[in-house]
Amino acid sequence: SKATRGEILRAFKISLPRIAGDGGKDINFFFAGHGLASESGEELYIIPQDGDQSLLADTAISRVELIKLIKKVNPKSVTMFFDTCYSGQTRGEQMLVASLRGLKKIKEGDIPDNFTIFTASSSNQGSSHIEEVKQGMFSYYLMKGLEGKADENKDKQITNREMIAYLKTNVSKEAFIQNREQDPMLSGDPDQVLMRY
């Protein structure tokens, strides 16, 4: 209930510069919630707790805006995780909007070189949850992967390639069991080390 548009923007406009304003930091961002594409399908929005899908530009936060705010602190690297879909559906398949909004393919050039973006599903898919654990499929397997399960070659480090492979295998399998399709996506350098442990 505290994840309002104002509080999210306060975190990016005030707290982030205080913490990382001297530059050169590795920044990780995680969002689990509703997302929606603009009417044109060209822009992605995350919808805060107090957001209104019929007033996206006024009450939601665009991916472009988030990237601009993060770039201001001159980060070394940025990894963003979005456990959301932009198809216009909730996890229970209710429609957020009357007409399903398609999302046009994101151009790699739209993402700065030092950014990596993991998304829970492709642009035309919904993002599902696992009822028993009360968590999104993507979030659940992301946490398992970060615990070391995504380290395919057991070298005590996880690359983006290993993580997306682990997510695609497990999320897609779990979605299939629920008679759905969900394929996590990666934008960014697949060979970059995501974490060491």
Protein backbone atom coordinates (compact mmCIF):
# COMPACT_ATOMS: atom_id res chain seq x y z
CA SER A 1 0.00 0.00 0.00
CA LYS A 2 3.01 2.31 0.39
CA ALA A 3 4.17 1.80 -3.21
CA THR A 4 2.43 4.92 -4.49
CA ARG A 5 3.64 6.93 -7.46
CA GLY A 6 4.90 9.64 -5.12
CA GLU A 7 6.89 7.21 -2.96
CA ILE A 8 8.41 5.44 -5.96
CA LEU A 9 9.46 8.76 -7.50
CA ARG A 10 10.80 9.93 -4.12
CA ALA A 11 13.00 6.80 -4.03
CA PHE A 12 14.39 7.54 -7.51
CA LYS A 13 14.62 11.34 -7.30
CA ILE A 14 15.77 11.79 -3.69
CA SER A 15 17.00 8.53 -2.12
CA LEU A 16 18.87 7.14 -5.14
CA PRO A 17 21.00 10.29 -5.67
CA ARG A 18 21.82 10.32 -1.93
CA ILE A 19 22.92 6.69 -1.99
CA ALA A 20 24.53 6.48 -5.44
CA GLY A 21 25.06 10.11 -6.46
CA ASP A 22 28.85 9.79 -6.59
CA GLY A 23 28.49 7.38 -9.54
CA GLY A 24 30.03 4.04 -10.36
CA LYS A 25 27.56 1.92 -8.37
CA ASP A 26 25.85 -1.32 -9.38
CA ILE A 27 22.10 -0.74 -9.13
CA ASN A 28 19.45 -3.45 -8.94
CA PHE A 29 15.75 -2.68 -9.34
CA PHE A 30 12.90 -5.14 -8.77
CA PHE A 31 9.21 -4.49 -9.42
CA ALA A 32 6.36 -6.97 -9.00
CA GLY A 33 2.93 -5.67 -9.86
CA HIS A 34 0.78 -4.51 -12.74
CA GLY A 35 2.22 -3.16 -15.95
CA LEU A 36 0.54 -1.82 -19.03
CA ALA A 37 1.57 -0.68 -22.50
CA SER A 38 0.53 2.71 -23.81
CA GLU A 39 -2.32 2.90 -26.34
CA SER A 40 0.26 2.97 -29.16
CA GLY A 41 2.08 -0.05 -27.74
CA GLU A 42 5.36 1.90 -27.81
CA GLU A 43 5.84 2.60 -24.10
CA LEU A 44 5.80 0.44 -20.97
CA TYR A 45 4.40 1.62 -17.67
CA ILE A 46 4.50 0.18 -14.19
CA ILE A 47 1.32 0.91 -12.28
CA PRO A 48 1.84 2.03 -8.67
CA GLN A 49 -0.61 1.21 -5.89
CA ASP A 50 -2.50 4.46 -6.55
CA GLY A 51 -2.19 4.30 -10.35
CA ASP A 52 -5.09 4.49 -12.78
CA GLN A 53 -4.76 2.55 -16.04
CA SER A 54 -6.99 5.05 -17.83
CA LEU A 55 -4.58 7.87 -16.88
CA LEU A 56 -1.26 6.15 -17.48
CA ALA A 57 0.82 9.23 -18.27
CA ASP A 58 -0.47 10.99 -15.14
CA THR A 59 -0.55 8.20 -12.56
CA ALA A 60 1.85 5.47 -13.73
CA ILE A 61 5.63 5.51 -14.25
CA SER A 62 7.15 4.84 -17.65
CA ARG A 63 10.16 2.63 -18.19
CA VAL A 64 11.81 5.52 -20.07
CA GLU A 65 11.35 7.78 -17.02
CA LEU A 66 12.87 5.17 -14.69
CA ILE A 67 15.89 4.71 -16.97
CA LYS A 68 16.43 8.50 -17.18
CA LEU A 69 16.32 8.85 -13.39
CA ILE A 70 18.78 5.98 -12.88
CA LYS A 71 21.15 7.28 -15.59
CA LYS A 72 21.45 10.59 -13.69
CA VAL A 73 23.54 8.89 -10.97
CA ASN A 74 26.03 7.58 -13.56
CA PRO A 75 25.80 3.91 -12.52
CA LYS A 76 28.43 1.29 -13.31
CA SER A 77 25.68 -1.21 -14.15
CA VAL A 78 21.93 -1.51 -13.77
CA THR A 79 19.90 -4.71 -13.57
CA MET A 80 16.12 -4.38 -13.66
CA PHE A 81 13.69 -7.21 -12.89
CA PHE A 82 10.04 -6.77 -13.86
CA ASP A 83 7.60 -9.41 -12.60
CA THR A 84 4.76 -7.95 -14.55
CA CYS A 85 3.15 -8.28 -17.92
CA TYR A 86 2.16 -5.60 -20.37
CA SER A 87 -0.65 -7.53 -22.01
CA GLY A 88 -3.43 -5.87 -20.01
CA GLN A 89 -4.20 -8.88 -17.80
CA THR A 90 -3.90 -9.44 -14.08
CA ARG A 91 -2.37 -12.66 -12.73
CA GLY A 92 -5.86 -14.12 -12.46
CA GLU A 93 -6.50 -13.29 -16.12
CA GLN A 94 -8.96 -10.47 -15.44
CA MET A 95 -8.59 -7.65 -17.91
CA LEU A 96 -7.19 -4.33 -16.68
CA VAL A 97 -8.49 -2.65 -19.81
CA ALA A 98 -11.36 -3.45 -22.12
CA SER A 99 -9.17 -4.03 -25.15
CA LEU A 100 -5.98 -6.04 -24.94
CA ARG A 101 -3.08 -3.71 -25.69
CA GLY A 102 -0.27 -5.17 -27.68
CA LEU A 103 3.29 -4.09 -27.00
CA LYS A 104 5.56 -3.38 -29.93
CA LYS A 105 8.96 -5.05 -29.76
CA ILE A 106 11.44 -3.10 -27.67
CA LYS A 107 14.45 -2.03 -29.71
CA GLU A 108 17.79 -2.93 -28.11
CA GLY A 109 18.93 0.64 -28.89
CA ASP A 110 16.32 1.92 -26.41
CA ILE A 111 18.24 0.32 -23.54
CA PRO A 112 21.60 1.84 -22.45
CA ASP A 113 24.62 -0.44 -22.81
CA ASN A 114 25.16 -0.85 -19.06
CA PHE A 115 21.52 -1.86 -18.42
CA THR A 116 20.17 -5.40 -18.22
CA ILE A 117 16.42 -5.97 -18.13
CA PHE A 118 14.75 -9.24 -17.17
CA THR A 119 11.00 -9.43 -17.78
CA ALA A 120 8.59 -12.08 -16.56
CA SER A 121 7.03 -12.75 -19.94
CA SER A 122 7.07 -11.79 -23.58
CA SER A 123 5.02 -8.77 -24.61
CA ASN A 124 1.85 -10.66 -25.57
CA GLN A 125 1.75 -13.01 -22.57
CA GLY A 126 0.36 -12.69 -19.09
CA SER A 127 2.47 -13.28 -15.99
CA SER A 128 1.23 -16.05 -13.73
CA HIS A 129 1.64 -16.88 -10.06
CA ILE A 130 2.11 -19.99 -7.96
CA GLU A 131 -0.90 -20.19 -5.68
CA GLU A 132 0.76 -22.39 -3.02
CA VAL A 133 3.54 -19.87 -2.37
CA LYS A 134 1.47 -16.73 -3.06
CA GLN A 135 4.15 -15.40 -5.39
CA GLY A 136 4.64 -14.72 -9.07
CA MET A 137 6.27 -17.55 -11.01
CA PHE A 138 9.02 -15.24 -12.22
CA SER A 139 9.75 -13.91 -8.71
CA TYR A 140 9.76 -17.40 -7.22
CA TYR A 141 12.23 -18.84 -9.73
CA LEU A 142 14.32 -15.66 -9.77
CA MET A 143 14.88 -16.04 -6.01
CA LYS A 144 15.69 -19.75 -6.44
CA GLY A 145 18.10 -18.90 -9.23
CA LEU A 146 19.83 -16.25 -7.09
CA GLU A 147 20.21 -18.85 -4.32
CA GLY A 148 22.54 -20.69 -6.72
CA LYS A 149 20.22 -22.94 -8.70
CA ALA A 150 20.88 -20.95 -11.90
CA ASP A 151 24.65 -21.58 -11.67
CA GLU A 152 24.65 -24.20 -14.42
CA ASN A 153 28.44 -24.75 -14.51
CA LYS A 154 28.84 -24.51 -10.69
CA ASP A 155 31.60 -21.86 -10.87
CA LYS A 156 30.11 -19.80 -8.01
CA GLN A 157 28.92 -17.06 -10.34
CA ILE A 158 25.72 -16.60 -12.31
CA THR A 159 25.73 -14.89 -15.69
CA ASN A 160 22.69 -13.28 -17.28
CA ARG A 161 22.72 -16.18 -19.78
CA GLU A 162 22.55 -18.77 -16.99
CA MET A 163 19.78 -16.86 -15.21
CA ILE A 164 17.58 -16.43 -18.27
CA ALA A 165 18.07 -20.09 -19.22
CA TYR A 166 17.06 -21.15 -15.69
CA LEU A 167 14.05 -18.81 -15.72
CA LYS A 168 12.89 -19.86 -19.19
CA THR A 169 13.10 -23.54 -18.32
CA ASN A 170 11.36 -23.36 -14.95
CA VAL A 171 8.82 -20.58 -15.52
CA SER A 172 7.76 -21.98 -18.90
CA LYS A 173 7.37 -25.48 -17.39
CA GLU A 174 5.35 -24.16 -14.43
CA ALA A 175 3.14 -22.12 -16.76
CA PHE A 176 2.57 -25.15 -19.00
CA ILE A 177 1.33 -27.12 -15.96
CA GLN A 178 -1.23 -24.32 -15.49
CA ASN A 179 -2.18 -24.54 -19.17
CA ARG A 180 -0.61 -21.14 -19.89
CA GLU A 181 2.35 -19.74 -21.78
CA GLN A 182 4.95 -17.56 -20.11
CA ASP A 183 8.45 -17.05 -21.43
CA PRO A 184 10.78 -14.70 -19.49
CA MET A 185 12.91 -12.37 -21.61
CA LEU A 186 16.36 -10.77 -21.32
CA SER A 187 17.58 -7.51 -22.83
CA GLY A 188 21.26 -6.79 -22.31
CA ASP A 189 24.61 -8.56 -22.29
CA PRO A 190 24.05 -12.31 -21.74
CA ASP A 191 27.68 -12.84 -20.72
CA GLN A 192 27.67 -10.26 -17.93
CA VAL A 193 28.07 -11.75 -14.46
CA LEU A 194 24.86 -11.11 -12.54
CA MET A 195 26.22 -12.22 -9.16
CA ARG A 196 28.99 -14.12 -7.41
CA TYR A 197 28.53 -16.13 -4.23
